[in-house]
Amino acid sequence: MSDDKQKVVVTDIQMPFMSMVIFMVKWIVASIPAFFLLGIIASIFMGIFGGMMM
């Protein structure tokens, strides 16, 4: 196995506008559970550290 790495530069992507819109909508919908989970984790940490401050 050789350890030679090739560098690649992407200069242009051909993508129809509606395809891009659908992709972005899917991306937004997929991020909703991630934000919900981060909110739960932040609430737990705030509860723990807030309880220590009292």
PDB file of N, CA and C in Angstrom:
ATOM      1  N   MET A   1       0.843  -1.188   0.000  1.00  0.00           N
ATOM      2  CA  MET A   1       0.000   0.000   0.000  1.00  0.00           C
ATOM      3  C   MET A   1       0.882   1.244   0.000  1.00  0.00           C
ATOM      4  N   SER A   2       0.664   2.078  -0.959  1.00  0.00           N
ATOM      5  CA  SER A   2       1.422   3.323  -0.985  1.00  0.00           C
ATOM      6  C   SER A   2       0.668   4.378  -0.185  1.00  0.00           C
ATOM      7  N   ASP A   3       1.411   5.292   0.352  1.00  0.00           N
ATOM      8  CA  ASP A   3       0.825   6.337   1.196  1.00  0.00           C
ATOM      9  C   ASP A   3       0.731   7.663   0.443  1.00  0.00           C
ATOM     10  N   ASP A   4       0.731   7.591  -0.900  1.00  0.00           N
ATOM     11  CA  ASP A   4       0.637   8.800  -1.715  1.00  0.00           C
ATOM     12  C   ASP A   4      -0.784   9.333  -1.685  1.00  0.00           C
ATOM     13  N   LYS A   5      -0.923  10.601  -1.396  1.00  0.00           N
ATOM     14  CA  LYS A   5      -2.242  11.227  -1.352  1.00  0.00           C
ATOM     15  C   LYS A   5      -2.349  12.223  -2.501  1.00  0.00           C
ATOM     16  N   GLN A   6      -3.512  12.249  -3.115  1.00  0.00           N
ATOM     17  CA  GLN A   6      -3.751  13.185  -4.205  1.00  0.00           C
ATOM     18  C   GLN A   6      -4.674  14.290  -3.702  1.00  0.00           C
ATOM     19  N   LYS A   7      -4.357  15.513  -4.054  1.00  0.00           N
ATOM     20  CA  LYS A   7      -5.210  16.641  -3.690  1.00  0.00           C
ATOM     21  C   LYS A   7      -6.228  16.870  -4.796  1.00  0.00           C
ATOM     22  N   VAL A   8      -7.453  17.154  -4.402  1.00  0.00           N
ATOM     23  CA  VAL A   8      -8.533  17.388  -5.351  1.00  0.00           C
ATOM     24  C   VAL A   8      -9.179  18.729  -5.035  1.00  0.00           C
ATOM     25  N   VAL A   9      -9.421  19.528  -6.066  1.00  0.00           N
ATOM     26  CA  VAL A   9     -10.094  20.809  -5.907  1.00  0.00           C
ATOM     27  C   VAL A   9     -11.371  20.773  -6.744  1.00  0.00           C
ATOM     28  N   VAL A  10     -12.520  20.978  -6.073  1.00  0.00           N
ATOM     29  CA  VAL A  10     -13.800  20.999  -6.775  1.00  0.00           C
ATOM     30  C   VAL A  10     -14.075  22.446  -7.171  1.00  0.00           C
ATOM     31  N   THR A  11     -14.258  22.684  -8.461  1.00  0.00           N
ATOM     32  CA  THR A  11     -14.444  24.056  -8.923  1.00  0.00           C
ATOM     33  C   THR A  11     -15.889  24.372  -9.279  1.00  0.00           C
ATOM     34  N   ASP A  12     -16.701  23.354  -9.599  1.00  0.00           N
ATOM     35  CA  ASP A  12     -18.072  23.628 -10.008  1.00  0.00           C
ATOM     36  C   ASP A  12     -18.928  22.389  -9.778  1.00  0.00           C
ATOM     37  N   ILE A  13     -20.158  22.617  -9.370  1.00  0.00           N
ATOM     38  CA  ILE A  13     -21.119  21.531  -9.213  1.00  0.00           C
ATOM     39  C   ILE A  13     -22.356  21.896 -10.018  1.00  0.00           C
ATOM     40  N   GLN A  14     -22.744  21.044 -10.941  1.00  0.00           N
ATOM     41  CA  GLN A  14     -23.946  21.256 -11.743  1.00  0.00           C
ATOM     42  C   GLN A  14     -25.116  20.592 -11.026  1.00  0.00           C
ATOM     43  N   MET A  15     -26.047  21.421 -10.494  1.00  0.00           N
ATOM     44  CA  MET A  15     -27.187  20.886  -9.767  1.00  0.00           C
ATOM     45  C   MET A  15     -28.403  21.751 -10.071  1.00  0.00           C
ATOM     46  N   PRO A  16     -29.514  21.136 -10.493  1.00  0.00           N
ATOM     47  CA  PRO A  16     -30.720  21.925 -10.766  1.00  0.00           C
ATOM     48  C   PRO A  16     -31.224  22.631  -9.498  1.00  0.00           C
ATOM     49  N   PHE A  17     -31.877  23.789  -9.694  1.00  0.00           N
ATOM     50  CA  PHE A  17     -32.308  24.601  -8.564  1.00  0.00           C
ATOM     51  C   PHE A  17     -33.275  23.854  -7.655  1.00  0.00           C
ATOM     52  N   MET A  18     -34.283  23.182  -8.219  1.00  0.00           N
ATOM     53  CA  MET A  18     -35.268  22.477  -7.394  1.00  0.00           C
ATOM     54  C   MET A  18     -34.627  21.325  -6.624  1.00  0.00           C
ATOM     55  N   SER A  19     -33.648  20.676  -7.209  1.00  0.00           N
ATOM     56  CA  SER A  19     -32.922  19.624  -6.498  1.00  0.00           C
ATOM     57  C   SER A  19     -32.206  20.203  -5.289  1.00  0.00           C
ATOM     58  N   MET A  20     -31.614  21.369  -5.463  1.00  0.00           N
ATOM     59  CA  MET A  20     -30.916  22.019  -4.368  1.00  0.00           C
ATOM     60  C   MET A  20     -31.900  22.435  -3.274  1.00  0.00           C
ATOM     61  N   VAL A  21     -33.066  22.940  -3.646  1.00  0.00           N
ATOM     62  CA  VAL A  21     -34.082  23.338  -2.667  1.00  0.00           C
ATOM     63  C   VAL A  21     -34.543  22.123  -1.866  1.00  0.00           C
ATOM     64  N   ILE A  22     -34.811  21.021  -2.547  1.00  0.00           N
ATOM     65  CA  ILE A  22     -35.246  19.799  -1.860  1.00  0.00           C
ATOM     66  C   ILE A  22     -34.156  19.295  -0.919  1.00  0.00           C
ATOM     67  N   PHE A  23     -32.913  19.348  -1.370  1.00  0.00           N
ATOM     68  CA  PHE A  23     -31.791  18.935  -0.526  1.00  0.00           C
ATOM     69  C   PHE A  23     -31.718  19.793   0.734  1.00  0.00           C
ATOM     70  N   MET A  24     -31.874  21.104   0.590  1.00  0.00           N
ATOM     71  CA  MET A  24     -31.781  22.003   1.739  1.00  0.00           C
ATOM     72  C   MET A  24     -32.951  21.797   2.698  1.00  0.00           C
ATOM     73  N   VAL A  25     -34.136  21.529   2.176  1.00  0.00           N
ATOM     74  CA  VAL A  25     -35.299  21.262   3.040  1.00  0.00           C
ATOM     75  C   VAL A  25     -35.067  19.972   3.827  1.00  0.00           C
ATOM     76  N   LYS A  26     -34.551  18.946   3.177  1.00  0.00           N
ATOM     77  CA  LYS A  26     -34.245  17.705   3.881  1.00  0.00           C
ATOM     78  C   LYS A  26     -33.194  17.929   4.962  1.00  0.00           C
ATOM     79  N   TRP A  27     -32.217  18.765   4.663  1.00  0.00           N
ATOM     80  CA  TRP A  27     -31.158  19.090   5.612  1.00  0.00           C
ATOM     81  C   TRP A  27     -31.749  19.773   6.847  1.00  0.00           C
ATOM     82  N   ILE A  28     -32.668  20.717   6.630  1.00  0.00           N
ATOM     83  CA  ILE A  28     -33.307  21.427   7.740  1.00  0.00           C
ATOM     84  C   ILE A  28     -34.144  20.477   8.582  1.00  0.00           C
ATOM     85  N   VAL A  29     -34.917  19.606   7.922  1.00  0.00           N
ATOM     86  CA  VAL A  29     -35.756  18.652   8.645  1.00  0.00           C
ATOM     87  C   VAL A  29     -34.891  17.689   9.455  1.00  0.00           C
ATOM     88  N   ALA A  30     -33.755  17.290   8.915  1.00  0.00           N
ATOM     89  CA  ALA A  30     -32.859  16.380   9.628  1.00  0.00           C
ATOM     90  C   ALA A  30     -32.191  17.057  10.818  1.00  0.00           C
ATOM     91  N   SER A  31     -32.058  18.381  10.793  1.00  0.00           N
ATOM     92  CA  SER A  31     -31.395  19.074  11.893  1.00  0.00           C
ATOM     93  C   SER A  31     -32.315  19.290  13.091  1.00  0.00           C
ATOM     94  N   ILE A  32     -33.633  19.187  12.904  1.00  0.00           N
ATOM     95  CA  ILE A  32     -34.578  19.423  14.000  1.00  0.00           C
ATOM     96  C   ILE A  32     -34.353  18.453  15.161  1.00  0.00           C
ATOM     97  N   PRO A  33     -34.259  17.137  14.937  1.00  0.00           N
ATOM     98  CA  PRO A  33     -33.992  16.248  16.078  1.00  0.00           C
ATOM     99  C   PRO A  33     -32.636  16.507  16.740  1.00  0.00           C
ATOM    100  N   ALA A  34     -31.660  16.924  15.952  1.00  0.00           N
ATOM    101  CA  ALA A  34     -30.340  17.216  16.521  1.00  0.00           C
ATOM    102  C   ALA A  34     -30.428  18.402  17.480  1.00  0.00           C
ATOM    103  N   PHE A  35     -31.146  19.470  17.097  1.00  0.00           N
ATOM    104  CA  PHE A  35     -31.313  20.614  17.989  1.00  0.00           C
ATOM    105  C   PHE A  35     -32.122  20.243  19.224  1.00  0.00           C
ATOM    106  N   PHE A  36     -33.119  19.376  19.058  1.00  0.00           N
ATOM    107  CA  PHE A  36     -33.925  18.912  20.183  1.00  0.00           C
ATOM    108  C   PHE A  36     -33.051  18.152  21.177  1.00  0.00           C
ATOM    109  N   LEU A  37     -32.198  17.271  20.673  1.00  0.00           N
ATOM    110  CA  LEU A  37     -31.297  16.509  21.525  1.00  0.00           C
ATOM    111  C   LEU A  37     -30.286  17.416  22.218  1.00  0.00           C
ATOM    112  N   LEU A  38     -29.738  18.385  21.509  1.00  0.00           N
ATOM    113  CA  LEU A  38     -28.810  19.331  22.130  1.00  0.00           C
ATOM    114  C   LEU A  38     -29.500  20.155  23.210  1.00  0.00           C
ATOM    115  N   GLY A  39     -30.772  20.503  23.002  1.00  0.00           N
ATOM    116  CA  GLY A  39     -31.531  21.238  24.020  1.00  0.00           C
ATOM    117  C   GLY A  39     -31.725  20.413  25.275  1.00  0.00           C
ATOM    118  N   ILE A  40     -31.996  19.127  25.104  1.00  0.00           N
ATOM    119  CA  ILE A  40     -32.155  18.251  26.270  1.00  0.00           C
ATOM    120  C   ILE A  40     -30.842  18.144  27.040  1.00  0.00           C
ATOM    121  N   ILE A  41     -29.747  17.950  26.329  1.00  0.00           N
ATOM    122  CA  ILE A  41     -28.434  17.847  26.982  1.00  0.00           C
ATOM    123  C   ILE A  41     -28.091  19.145  27.696  1.00  0.00           C
ATOM    124  N   ALA A  42     -28.356  20.293  27.057  1.00  0.00           N
ATOM    125  CA  ALA A  42     -28.077  21.587  27.688  1.00  0.00           C
ATOM    126  C   ALA A  42     -28.939  21.768  28.932  1.00  0.00           C
ATOM    127  N   SER A  43     -30.191  21.335  28.897  1.00  0.00           N
ATOM    128  CA  SER A  43     -31.083  21.450  30.059  1.00  0.00           C
ATOM    129  C   SER A  43     -30.569  20.614  31.221  1.00  0.00           C
ATOM    130  N   ILE A  44     -30.075  19.427  30.916  1.00  0.00           N
ATOM    131  CA  ILE A  44     -29.533  18.566  31.970  1.00  0.00           C
ATOM    132  C   ILE A  44     -28.324  19.225  32.627  1.00  0.00           C
ATOM    133  N   PHE A  45     -27.399  19.738  31.803  1.00  0.00           N
ATOM    134  CA  PHE A  45     -26.220  20.401  32.370  1.00  0.00           C
ATOM    135  C   PHE A  45     -26.602  21.649  33.160  1.00  0.00           C
ATOM    136  N   MET A  46     -27.540  22.439  32.662  1.00  0.00           N
ATOM    137  CA  MET A  46     -27.972  23.630  33.387  1.00  0.00           C
ATOM    138  C   MET A  46     -28.631  23.251  34.710  1.00  0.00           C
ATOM    139  N   GLY A  47     -29.395  22.178  34.708  1.00  0.00           N
ATOM    140  CA  GLY A  47     -30.015  21.708  35.946  1.00  0.00           C
ATOM    141  C   GLY A  47     -28.978  21.261  36.964  1.00  0.00           C
ATOM    142  N   ILE A  48     -27.966  20.555  36.498  1.00  0.00           N
ATOM    143  CA  ILE A  48     -26.905  20.069  37.412  1.00  0.00           C
ATOM    144  C   ILE A  48     -26.107  21.239  37.958  1.00  0.00           C
ATOM    145  N   PHE A  49     -25.617  22.112  37.055  1.00  0.00           N
ATOM    146  CA  PHE A  49     -24.778  23.220  37.511  1.00  0.00           C
ATOM    147  C   PHE A  49     -25.584  24.298  38.226  1.00  0.00           C
ATOM    148  N   GLY A  50     -26.820  24.477  37.833  1.00  0.00           N
ATOM    149  CA  GLY A  50     -27.698  25.434  38.528  1.00  0.00           C
ATOM    150  C   GLY A  50     -28.003  24.959  39.937  1.00  0.00           C
ATOM    151  N   GLY A  51     -28.161  23.651  40.111  1.00  0.00           N
ATOM    152  CA  GLY A  51     -28.402  23.089  41.433  1.00  0.00           C
ATOM    153  C   GLY A  51     -27.194  23.228  42.343  1.00  0.00           C
ATOM    154  N   MET A  52     -26.006  23.197  41.763  1.00  0.00           N
ATOM    155  CA  MET A  52     -24.789  23.354  42.563  1.00  0.00           C
ATOM    156  C   MET A  52     -24.614  24.784  43.048  1.00  0.00           C
ATOM    157  N   MET A  53     -25.141  25.745  42.323  1.00  0.00           N
ATOM    158  CA  MET A  53     -24.945  27.156  42.667  1.00  0.00           C
ATOM    159  C   MET A  53     -25.871  27.609  43.809  1.00  0.00           C
ATOM    160  N   MET A  54     -26.912  26.858  44.062  1.00  0.00           N
ATOM    161  CA  MET A  54     -27.878  27.294  45.098  1.00  0.00           C
ATOM    162  C   MET A  54     -27.415  26.930  46.468  1.00  0.00           C
TER     163      MET A  54
END
